[in-house]
Amino acid sequence: MPSLITTSALQGLVPVRHGALALTDATPARITSVAPFKGREADVAQALKPLGLRFAAPNQVVEAAAGRCVWTGPGQAFLIDADPAPLTGLAALTDQSDGWVGLRLSGPGAEDALARLIPIDLRPQVFGAGSAARAPVGHMLSVVMRAPEGIEMLLFRSMARAAVHEIGVAMAALAARQQA
């Protein structure tokens, strides 16, 4: 019987560097979709408190030592790297870990490179610390977040190669323009 080895969808694709920009793997170890049951929102908020978290408001990321809670749509969020066990019975919980990859674009000009692909204003004064949005990266659905190290994007695992290619092209174009 063959033995299967788990590999990242980003293996061999990142890191990508152009000029001062770096695209790296930021795939979380655990992603759980959380949708509080009707009337249980306050209970979910109470269950998240011991983790140092709260249920993320629209377009927000809440971060603590235990992990992050990222808004992903009306009445739903991703619990990233935190144990979802305290939410059992209070919300619909779905393990999404194998379905997503995370990419981080860092370096001066990251917002300029992504402006070619993401139709939202990513400048830090608009999309600052604690910001999150559902937005396409080119033609690919994603969750975009401001991180201390740059801009992070969660994309469907099946889109990993296309995402790295598209972001890499934008990075190269920006680097070439800066060198001209």
N, C-alpha and C. Protein backbone atom coordinates (compact mmCIF):
# COMPACT_ATOMS: atom_id res chain seq x y z
N MET A 1 0.85 -1.17 0.00
CA MET A 1 0.00 0.00 0.00
C MET A 1 0.90 1.24 0.00
N PRO A 2 0.62 2.20 -0.88
CA PRO A 2 1.45 3.40 -0.93
C PRO A 2 1.29 4.24 0.34
N SER A 3 2.35 4.90 0.70
CA SER A 3 2.34 5.80 1.85
C SER A 3 2.29 7.23 1.34
N LEU A 4 1.26 7.95 1.71
CA LEU A 4 1.09 9.32 1.26
C LEU A 4 1.76 10.28 2.23
N ILE A 5 2.39 11.29 1.69
CA ILE A 5 3.07 12.30 2.50
C ILE A 5 2.34 13.62 2.33
N THR A 6 1.96 14.23 3.42
CA THR A 6 1.29 15.52 3.37
C THR A 6 2.27 16.59 2.94
N THR A 7 1.88 17.37 1.94
CA THR A 7 2.72 18.48 1.50
C THR A 7 1.86 19.73 1.39
N SER A 8 2.50 20.86 1.48
CA SER A 8 1.82 22.13 1.32
C SER A 8 1.50 22.37 -0.14
N ALA A 9 0.36 22.99 -0.41
CA ALA A 9 0.02 23.37 -1.78
C ALA A 9 0.99 24.42 -2.31
N LEU A 10 1.73 25.05 -1.41
CA LEU A 10 2.69 26.09 -1.81
C LEU A 10 4.12 25.57 -1.94
N GLN A 11 4.31 24.27 -1.71
CA GLN A 11 5.66 23.70 -1.77
C GLN A 11 6.26 23.93 -3.16
N GLY A 12 7.45 24.52 -3.16
CA GLY A 12 8.14 24.80 -4.40
C GLY A 12 7.68 26.06 -5.11
N LEU A 13 6.65 26.71 -4.60
CA LEU A 13 6.13 27.93 -5.24
C LEU A 13 6.61 29.21 -4.56
N VAL A 14 6.82 29.15 -3.27
CA VAL A 14 7.26 30.32 -2.51
C VAL A 14 8.51 29.93 -1.72
N PRO A 15 9.35 30.84 -1.38
CA PRO A 15 9.18 32.29 -1.48
C PRO A 15 9.45 32.80 -2.89
N VAL A 16 8.84 33.97 -3.18
CA VAL A 16 9.06 34.69 -4.42
C VAL A 16 9.55 36.07 -4.02
N ARG A 17 10.64 36.52 -4.64
CA ARG A 17 11.18 37.85 -4.33
C ARG A 17 11.39 38.64 -5.61
N HIS A 18 10.95 39.88 -5.57
CA HIS A 18 11.20 40.84 -6.65
C HIS A 18 11.48 42.17 -5.98
N GLY A 19 12.67 42.70 -6.21
CA GLY A 19 13.04 43.95 -5.55
C GLY A 19 12.97 43.77 -4.05
N ALA A 20 12.30 44.70 -3.38
CA ALA A 20 12.18 44.66 -1.92
C ALA A 20 10.97 43.85 -1.45
N LEU A 21 10.20 43.30 -2.38
CA LEU A 21 8.99 42.56 -2.03
C LEU A 21 9.26 41.07 -1.86
N ALA A 22 8.59 40.48 -0.89
CA ALA A 22 8.71 39.03 -0.66
C ALA A 22 7.33 38.43 -0.48
N LEU A 23 7.05 37.36 -1.20
CA LEU A 23 5.81 36.61 -1.07
C LEU A 23 6.17 35.29 -0.39
N THR A 24 5.57 35.05 0.79
CA THR A 24 5.93 33.88 1.58
C THR A 24 4.68 33.11 2.02
N ASP A 25 4.91 31.91 2.49
CA ASP A 25 3.84 31.04 2.99
C ASP A 25 3.39 31.53 4.36
N ALA A 26 2.10 31.79 4.51
CA ALA A 26 1.52 32.20 5.80
C ALA A 26 0.31 31.32 6.11
N THR A 27 0.36 30.06 5.69
CA THR A 27 -0.76 29.16 5.88
C THR A 27 -0.90 28.82 7.37
N PRO A 28 -2.07 29.09 7.94
CA PRO A 28 -2.28 28.75 9.35
C PRO A 28 -2.30 27.24 9.56
N ALA A 29 -1.98 26.81 10.76
CA ALA A 29 -2.04 25.39 11.11
C ALA A 29 -3.48 24.90 11.20
N ARG A 30 -4.39 25.79 11.62
CA ARG A 30 -5.78 25.40 11.84
C ARG A 30 -6.70 26.55 11.46
N ILE A 31 -7.73 26.24 10.68
CA ILE A 31 -8.77 27.22 10.34
C ILE A 31 -10.11 26.55 10.60
N THR A 32 -10.93 27.18 11.44
CA THR A 32 -12.27 26.68 11.73
C THR A 32 -13.28 27.75 11.39
N SER A 33 -14.24 27.41 10.55
CA SER A 33 -15.34 28.33 10.25
C SER A 33 -16.32 28.29 11.42
N VAL A 34 -16.71 29.48 11.89
CA VAL A 34 -17.61 29.61 13.04
C VAL A 34 -18.84 30.41 12.63
N ALA A 35 -20.02 29.81 12.78
CA ALA A 35 -21.27 30.50 12.51
C ALA A 35 -22.18 30.29 13.73
N PRO A 36 -22.29 31.31 14.60
CA PRO A 36 -23.10 31.13 15.81
C PRO A 36 -24.54 30.74 15.49
N PHE A 37 -25.06 29.79 16.27
CA PHE A 37 -26.47 29.43 16.12
C PHE A 37 -27.34 30.62 16.51
N LYS A 38 -28.51 30.70 15.93
CA LYS A 38 -29.43 31.81 16.18
C LYS A 38 -29.67 31.96 17.69
N GLY A 39 -29.47 33.18 18.17
CA GLY A 39 -29.67 33.48 19.58
C GLY A 39 -28.50 33.10 20.48
N ARG A 40 -27.43 32.56 19.92
CA ARG A 40 -26.29 32.12 20.73
C ARG A 40 -25.06 33.02 20.57
N GLU A 41 -25.21 34.16 19.90
CA GLU A 41 -24.09 35.06 19.66
C GLU A 41 -23.41 35.49 20.97
N ALA A 42 -24.20 35.82 21.99
CA ALA A 42 -23.63 36.23 23.28
C ALA A 42 -22.88 35.08 23.94
N ASP A 43 -23.38 33.86 23.78
CA ASP A 43 -22.70 32.69 24.34
C ASP A 43 -21.36 32.44 23.64
N VAL A 44 -21.33 32.65 22.32
CA VAL A 44 -20.09 32.51 21.56
C VAL A 44 -19.08 33.56 22.04
N ALA A 45 -19.56 34.79 22.21
CA ALA A 45 -18.67 35.87 22.70
C ALA A 45 -18.10 35.51 24.07
N GLN A 46 -18.91 34.96 24.93
CA GLN A 46 -18.47 34.57 26.28
C GLN A 46 -17.46 33.42 26.20
N ALA A 47 -17.68 32.47 25.30
CA ALA A 47 -16.77 31.32 25.16
C ALA A 47 -15.42 31.73 24.58
N LEU A 48 -15.38 32.80 23.81
CA LEU A 48 -14.12 33.26 23.23
C LEU A 48 -13.27 34.07 24.21
N LYS A 49 -13.90 34.63 25.24
CA LYS A 49 -13.17 35.48 26.20
C LYS A 49 -11.96 34.80 26.84
N PRO A 50 -12.06 33.55 27.32
CA PRO A 50 -10.87 32.92 27.92
C PRO A 50 -9.70 32.77 26.95
N LEU A 51 -9.99 32.82 25.64
CA LEU A 51 -8.94 32.74 24.63
C LEU A 51 -8.35 34.12 24.34
N GLY A 52 -8.93 35.16 24.97
CA GLY A 52 -8.49 36.52 24.70
C GLY A 52 -9.08 37.07 23.42
N LEU A 53 -10.11 36.40 22.90
CA LEU A 53 -10.71 36.79 21.63
C LEU A 53 -12.14 37.25 21.81
N ARG A 54 -12.67 37.84 20.77
CA ARG A 54 -14.09 38.13 20.65
C ARG A 54 -14.48 37.84 19.22
N PHE A 55 -15.77 37.70 18.98
CA PHE A 55 -16.24 37.44 17.62
C PHE A 55 -15.98 38.68 16.78
N ALA A 56 -15.29 38.52 15.67
CA ALA A 56 -14.88 39.66 14.84
C ALA A 56 -16.08 40.38 14.24
N ALA A 57 -16.07 41.70 14.36
CA ALA A 57 -17.07 42.55 13.71
C ALA A 57 -16.75 42.61 12.22
N PRO A 58 -17.68 43.09 11.40
CA PRO A 58 -17.41 43.19 9.96
C PRO A 58 -16.09 43.90 9.66
N ASN A 59 -15.33 43.28 8.77
CA ASN A 59 -14.05 43.80 8.28
C ASN A 59 -12.98 43.93 9.37
N GLN A 60 -13.03 43.05 10.36
CA GLN A 60 -12.05 43.10 11.44
C GLN A 60 -11.37 41.76 11.67
N VAL A 61 -10.16 41.87 12.22
CA VAL A 61 -9.41 40.73 12.74
C VAL A 61 -9.19 41.01 14.22
N VAL A 62 -9.48 40.03 15.06
CA VAL A 62 -9.20 40.14 16.49
C VAL A 62 -8.08 39.14 16.77
N GLU A 63 -6.99 39.63 17.36
CA GLU A 63 -5.82 38.78 17.56
C GLU A 63 -5.47 38.68 19.03
N ALA A 64 -5.06 37.48 19.44
CA ALA A 64 -4.61 37.22 20.81
C ALA A 64 -3.55 36.12 20.73
N ALA A 65 -2.95 35.81 21.86
CA ALA A 65 -1.92 34.77 21.89
C ALA A 65 -2.47 33.43 21.40
N ALA A 66 -3.74 33.15 21.66
CA ALA A 66 -4.34 31.87 21.28
C ALA A 66 -4.58 31.74 19.79
N GLY A 67 -4.69 32.86 19.08
CA GLY A 67 -4.97 32.83 17.65
C GLY A 67 -5.69 34.08 17.21
N ARG A 68 -6.44 33.95 16.12
CA ARG A 68 -7.17 35.09 15.56
C ARG A 68 -8.61 34.70 15.26
N CYS A 69 -9.48 35.68 15.32
CA CYS A 69 -10.85 35.54 14.85
C CYS A 69 -11.01 36.56 13.73
N VAL A 70 -11.31 36.08 12.53
CA VAL A 70 -11.34 36.93 11.33
C VAL A 70 -12.74 36.92 10.75
N TRP A 71 -13.31 38.11 10.56
CA TRP A 71 -14.62 38.23 9.93
C TRP A 71 -14.54 37.70 8.51
N THR A 72 -15.51 36.86 8.12
CA THR A 72 -15.54 36.33 6.76
C THR A 72 -16.87 36.56 6.07
N GLY A 73 -17.82 37.14 6.76
CA GLY A 73 -19.12 37.41 6.18
C GLY A 73 -20.15 37.60 7.28
N PRO A 74 -21.36 38.01 6.91
CA PRO A 74 -22.40 38.21 7.92
C PRO A 74 -22.63 36.96 8.77
N GLY A 75 -22.45 37.09 10.08
CA GLY A 75 -22.70 35.98 10.99
C GLY A 75 -21.70 34.85 10.90
N GLN A 76 -20.52 35.11 10.35
CA GLN A 76 -19.52 34.05 10.29
C GLN A 76 -18.11 34.62 10.40
N ALA A 77 -17.22 33.78 10.88
CA ALA A 77 -15.82 34.17 11.03
C ALA A 77 -14.96 32.92 10.94
N PHE A 78 -13.67 33.14 10.73
CA PHE A 78 -12.69 32.06 10.81
C PHE A 78 -11.97 32.18 12.14
N LEU A 79 -11.89 31.09 12.85
CA LEU A 79 -11.06 31.00 14.04
C LEU A 79 -9.75 30.38 13.57
N ILE A 80 -8.67 31.15 13.66
CA ILE A 80 -7.40 30.73 13.10
C ILE A 80 -6.42 30.38 14.22
N ASP A 81 -5.92 29.16 14.15
CA ASP A 81 -4.92 28.61 15.08
C ASP A 81 -5.39 28.49 16.52
N ALA A 82 -6.63 28.74 16.79
CA ALA A 82 -7.16 28.60 18.16
C ALA A 82 -8.03 27.35 18.23
N ASP A 83 -8.11 26.76 19.40
CA ASP A 83 -8.92 25.57 19.63
C ASP A 83 -10.41 25.94 19.63
N PRO A 84 -11.21 25.36 18.72
CA PRO A 84 -12.63 25.70 18.67
C PRO A 84 -13.49 24.97 19.69
N ALA A 85 -12.91 24.07 20.49
CA ALA A 85 -13.69 23.24 21.41
C ALA A 85 -14.64 24.04 22.31
N PRO A 86 -14.25 25.23 22.84
CA PRO A 86 -15.19 25.96 23.69
C PRO A 86 -16.47 26.41 22.98
N LEU A 87 -16.49 26.36 21.66
CA LEU A 87 -17.65 26.81 20.89
C LEU A 87 -18.60 25.68 20.52
N THR A 88 -18.23 24.45 20.89
CA THR A 88 -19.07 23.30 20.57
C THR A 88 -20.46 23.47 21.16
N GLY A 89 -21.47 23.27 20.33
CA GLY A 89 -22.86 23.41 20.75
C GLY A 89 -23.38 24.84 20.69
N LEU A 90 -22.51 25.80 20.46
CA LEU A 90 -22.91 27.21 20.40
C LEU A 90 -22.92 27.74 18.97
N ALA A 91 -22.20 27.05 18.09
CA ALA A 91 -22.04 27.52 16.71
C ALA A 91 -21.81 26.33 15.80
N ALA A 92 -22.11 26.54 14.53
CA ALA A 92 -21.75 25.55 13.53
C ALA A 92 -20.25 25.69 13.30
N LEU A 93 -19.51 24.63 13.52
CA LEU A 93 -18.05 24.63 13.40
C LEU A 93 -17.65 23.70 12.26
N THR A 94 -16.85 24.22 11.35
CA THR A 94 -16.39 23.42 10.23
C THR A 94 -14.89 23.59 10.08
N ASP A 95 -14.16 22.47 10.11
CA ASP A 95 -12.72 22.52 9.92
C ASP A 95 -12.43 22.84 8.45
N GLN A 96 -11.77 23.96 8.22
CA GLN A 96 -11.45 24.43 6.87
C GLN A 96 -9.95 24.32 6.57
N SER A 97 -9.19 23.75 7.48
CA SER A 97 -7.73 23.78 7.41
C SER A 97 -7.15 23.27 6.10
N ASP A 98 -7.70 22.20 5.57
CA ASP A 98 -7.14 21.61 4.35
C ASP A 98 -7.58 22.32 3.08
N GLY A 99 -8.51 23.26 3.19
CA GLY A 99 -9.06 23.90 2.00
C GLY A 99 -8.45 25.24 1.64
N TRP A 100 -7.58 25.77 2.50
CA TRP A 100 -7.06 27.12 2.30
C TRP A 100 -5.54 27.14 2.38
N VAL A 101 -4.94 28.11 1.70
CA VAL A 101 -3.52 28.42 1.87
C VAL A 101 -3.43 29.90 2.25
N GLY A 102 -2.34 30.24 2.91
CA GLY A 102 -2.11 31.63 3.28
C GLY A 102 -0.86 32.15 2.61
N LEU A 103 -0.95 33.35 2.08
CA LEU A 103 0.20 34.03 1.49
C LEU A 103 0.39 35.36 2.19
N ARG A 104 1.65 35.76 2.36
CA ARG A 104 1.96 37.07 2.94
C ARG A 104 2.85 37.82 1.97
N LEU A 105 2.43 39.03 1.61
CA LEU A 105 3.26 39.90 0.80
C LEU A 105 3.78 41.00 1.71
N SER A 106 5.11 41.10 1.77
CA SER A 106 5.73 42.09 2.65
C SER A 106 6.78 42.88 1.89
N GLY A 107 7.09 44.02 2.45
CA GLY A 107 8.10 44.90 1.89
C GLY A 107 7.47 46.19 1.40
N PRO A 108 8.30 47.21 1.24
CA PRO A 108 7.79 48.50 0.76
C PRO A 108 7.18 48.36 -0.63
N GLY A 109 5.98 48.84 -0.78
CA GLY A 109 5.29 48.75 -2.06
C GLY A 109 4.34 47.57 -2.17
N ALA A 110 4.16 46.82 -1.09
CA ALA A 110 3.24 45.67 -1.13
C ALA A 110 1.85 46.10 -1.55
N GLU A 111 1.38 47.22 -1.00
CA GLU A 111 0.05 47.72 -1.33
C GLU A 111 -0.04 48.08 -2.81
N ASP A 112 1.05 48.67 -3.34
CA ASP A 112 1.07 49.06 -4.76
C ASP A 112 1.00 47.83 -5.67
N ALA A 113 1.71 46.78 -5.32
CA ALA A 113 1.68 45.56 -6.13
C ALA A 113 0.28 44.94 -6.10
N LEU A 114 -0.33 44.89 -4.92
CA LEU A 114 -1.64 44.26 -4.80
C LEU A 114 -2.76 45.13 -5.35
N ALA A 115 -2.51 46.44 -5.51
CA ALA A 115 -3.52 47.33 -6.08
C ALA A 115 -3.88 46.89 -7.50
N ARG A 116 -2.98 46.16 -8.14
CA ARG A 116 -3.23 45.66 -9.49
C ARG A 116 -4.20 44.47 -9.47
N LEU A 117 -4.39 43.86 -8.29
CA LEU A 117 -5.16 42.62 -8.20
C LEU A 117 -6.36 42.68 -7.27
N ILE A 118 -6.29 43.51 -6.24
CA ILE A 118 -7.33 43.54 -5.20
C ILE A 118 -8.05 44.89 -5.27
N PRO A 119 -9.37 44.88 -5.48
CA PRO A 119 -10.10 46.14 -5.70
C PRO A 119 -10.50 46.88 -4.42
N ILE A 120 -9.61 46.92 -3.43
CA ILE A 120 -9.85 47.72 -2.24
C ILE A 120 -8.60 48.53 -1.94
N ASP A 121 -8.76 49.61 -1.20
CA ASP A 121 -7.64 50.49 -0.84
C ASP A 121 -6.88 49.84 0.31
N LEU A 122 -5.68 49.36 0.05
CA LEU A 122 -4.89 48.64 1.04
C LEU A 122 -3.89 49.53 1.77
N ARG A 123 -3.91 50.84 1.50
CA ARG A 123 -2.97 51.72 2.20
C ARG A 123 -3.21 51.62 3.71
N PRO A 124 -2.14 51.63 4.51
CA PRO A 124 -2.27 51.44 5.96
C PRO A 124 -3.23 52.42 6.63
N GLN A 125 -3.33 53.64 6.13
CA GLN A 125 -4.24 54.61 6.75
C GLN A 125 -5.71 54.27 6.48
N VAL A 126 -5.99 53.40 5.51
CA VAL A 126 -7.36 52.98 5.21
C VAL A 126 -7.59 51.54 5.68
N PHE A 127 -6.67 50.65 5.34
CA PHE A 127 -6.76 49.23 5.66
C PHE A 127 -5.63 48.94 6.66
N GLY A 128 -5.84 49.40 7.89
CA GLY A 128 -4.79 49.34 8.90
C GLY A 128 -4.84 48.08 9.74
N ALA A 129 -4.11 48.14 10.84
CA ALA A 129 -4.04 47.01 11.77
C ALA A 129 -5.44 46.58 12.18
N GLY A 130 -5.67 45.29 12.17
CA GLY A 130 -6.97 44.75 12.56
C GLY A 130 -8.01 44.75 11.45
N SER A 131 -7.60 45.06 10.22
CA SER A 131 -8.55 45.08 9.10
C SER A 131 -8.58 43.74 8.38
N ALA A 132 -9.78 43.39 7.91
CA ALA A 132 -9.98 42.19 7.10
C ALA A 132 -11.07 42.48 6.09
N ALA A 133 -11.02 41.80 4.95
CA ALA A 133 -12.06 41.97 3.93
C ALA A 133 -12.14 40.72 3.08
N ARG A 134 -13.34 40.46 2.59
CA ARG A 134 -13.51 39.44 1.55
C ARG A 134 -13.34 40.19 0.25
N ALA A 135 -12.37 39.84 -0.53
CA ALA A 135 -12.10 40.53 -1.79
C ALA A 135 -11.40 39.57 -2.74
N PRO A 136 -11.62 39.75 -4.02
CA PRO A 136 -10.90 38.90 -4.97
C PRO A 136 -9.44 39.31 -5.09
N VAL A 137 -8.58 38.33 -5.32
CA VAL A 137 -7.20 38.57 -5.72
C VAL A 137 -7.19 38.13 -7.18
N GLY A 138 -7.25 39.11 -8.08
CA GLY A 138 -7.47 38.79 -9.49
C GLY A 138 -8.85 38.18 -9.61
N HIS A 139 -8.94 36.95 -10.05
CA HIS A 139 -10.22 36.26 -10.20
C HIS A 139 -10.51 35.29 -9.06
N MET A 140 -9.66 35.28 -8.03
CA MET A 140 -9.76 34.28 -6.97
C MET A 140 -10.34 34.88 -5.69
N LEU A 141 -11.34 34.22 -5.13
CA LEU A 141 -11.92 34.69 -3.88
C LEU A 141 -10.89 34.56 -2.76
N SER A 142 -10.91 35.52 -1.84
CA SER A 142 -9.94 35.47 -0.75
C SER A 142 -10.45 36.21 0.47
N VAL A 143 -9.72 36.02 1.56
CA VAL A 143 -9.86 36.82 2.77
C VAL A 143 -8.54 37.56 2.90
N VAL A 144 -8.60 38.88 2.89
CA VAL A 144 -7.40 39.72 2.94
C VAL A 144 -7.32 40.32 4.33
N MET A 145 -6.12 40.30 4.94
CA MET A 145 -5.93 40.82 6.29
C MET A 145 -4.66 41.65 6.37
N ARG A 146 -4.70 42.70 7.16
CA ARG A 146 -3.48 43.45 7.48
C ARG A 146 -2.78 42.71 8.61
N ALA A 147 -1.51 42.42 8.42
CA ALA A 147 -0.71 41.76 9.45
C ALA A 147 0.47 42.68 9.76
N PRO A 148 1.08 42.53 10.93
CA PRO A 148 2.24 43.38 11.25
C PRO A 148 3.36 43.26 10.23
N GLU A 149 3.49 42.09 9.60
CA GLU A 149 4.57 41.85 8.66
C GLU A 149 4.20 42.15 7.22
N GLY A 150 2.97 42.57 6.94
CA GLY A 150 2.55 42.84 5.57
C GLY A 150 1.08 42.58 5.38
N ILE A 151 0.72 42.13 4.20
CA ILE A 151 -0.67 41.83 3.89
C ILE A 151 -0.78 40.33 3.70
N GLU A 152 -1.72 39.73 4.42
CA GLU A 152 -1.94 38.29 4.32
C GLU A 152 -3.22 38.03 3.55
N MET A 153 -3.20 36.95 2.78
CA MET A 153 -4.36 36.54 1.99
C MET A 153 -4.60 35.05 2.21
N LEU A 154 -5.83 34.70 2.51
CA LEU A 154 -6.23 33.29 2.55
C LEU A 154 -6.96 33.03 1.24
N LEU A 155 -6.52 32.01 0.52
CA LEU A 155 -7.10 31.65 -0.76
C LEU A 155 -7.40 30.16 -0.78
N PHE A 156 -8.31 29.76 -1.65
CA PHE A 156 -8.59 28.34 -1.78
C PHE A 156 -7.32 27.60 -2.19
N ARG A 157 -7.10 26.48 -1.57
CA ARG A 157 -5.90 25.67 -1.82
C ARG A 157 -5.74 25.36 -3.31
N SER A 158 -6.84 25.14 -3.99
CA SER A 158 -6.79 24.80 -5.42
C SER A 158 -6.30 25.97 -6.27
N MET A 159 -6.28 27.16 -5.71
CA MET A 159 -5.85 28.35 -6.45
C MET A 159 -4.42 28.77 -6.11
N ALA A 160 -3.70 27.96 -5.35
CA ALA A 160 -2.37 28.34 -4.87
C ALA A 160 -1.42 28.71 -6.01
N ARG A 161 -1.31 27.85 -6.99
CA ARG A 161 -0.37 28.10 -8.10
C ARG A 161 -0.76 29.36 -8.87
N ALA A 162 -2.04 29.53 -9.16
CA ALA A 162 -2.50 30.72 -9.89
C ALA A 162 -2.26 31.98 -9.07
N ALA A 163 -2.51 31.92 -7.77
CA ALA A 163 -2.33 33.09 -6.91
C ALA A 163 -0.86 33.51 -6.87
N VAL A 164 0.03 32.54 -6.67
CA VAL A 164 1.46 32.86 -6.63
C VAL A 164 1.89 33.46 -7.96
N HIS A 165 1.41 32.90 -9.05
CA HIS A 165 1.77 33.44 -10.37
C HIS A 165 1.29 34.88 -10.53
N GLU A 166 0.01 35.12 -10.26
CA GLU A 166 -0.57 36.46 -10.45
C GLU A 166 0.12 37.50 -9.56
N ILE A 167 0.33 37.16 -8.31
CA ILE A 167 0.98 38.11 -7.39
C ILE A 167 2.44 38.30 -7.81
N GLY A 168 3.10 37.24 -8.23
CA GLY A 168 4.48 37.34 -8.70
C GLY A 168 4.62 38.24 -9.91
N VAL A 169 3.69 38.17 -10.84
CA VAL A 169 3.70 39.04 -12.02
C VAL A 169 3.55 40.50 -11.59
N ALA A 170 2.63 40.77 -10.67
CA ALA A 170 2.43 42.14 -10.18
C ALA A 170 3.67 42.64 -9.45
N MET A 171 4.30 41.76 -8.66
CA MET A 171 5.53 42.13 -7.96
C MET A 171 6.64 42.47 -8.95
N ALA A 172 6.80 41.65 -9.97
CA ALA A 172 7.85 41.87 -10.97
C ALA A 172 7.62 43.17 -11.74
N ALA A 173 6.37 43.44 -12.08
CA ALA A 173 6.06 44.68 -12.81
C ALA A 173 6.39 45.90 -11.96
N LEU A 174 6.05 45.85 -10.69
CA LEU A 174 6.34 46.98 -9.80
C LEU A 174 7.84 47.14 -9.61
N ALA A 175 8.56 46.04 -9.43
CA ALA A 175 10.02 46.11 -9.26
C ALA A 175 10.68 46.67 -10.51
N ALA A 176 10.21 46.27 -11.69
CA ALA A 176 10.78 46.78 -12.94
C ALA A 176 10.51 48.28 -13.09
N ARG A 177 9.32 48.69 -12.72
CA ARG A 177 8.98 50.12 -12.79
C ARG A 177 9.83 50.94 -11.84
N GLN A 178 10.13 50.40 -10.68
CA GLN A 178 10.94 51.12 -9.70
C GLN A 178 12.40 51.21 -10.13
N GLN A 179 12.87 50.24 -10.92
CA GLN A 179 14.25 50.26 -11.39
C GLN A 179 14.44 51.16 -12.60
N ALA A 180 13.36 51.44 -13.32
CA ALA A 180 13.47 52.27 -14.55
C ALA A 180 13.78 53.71 -14.24
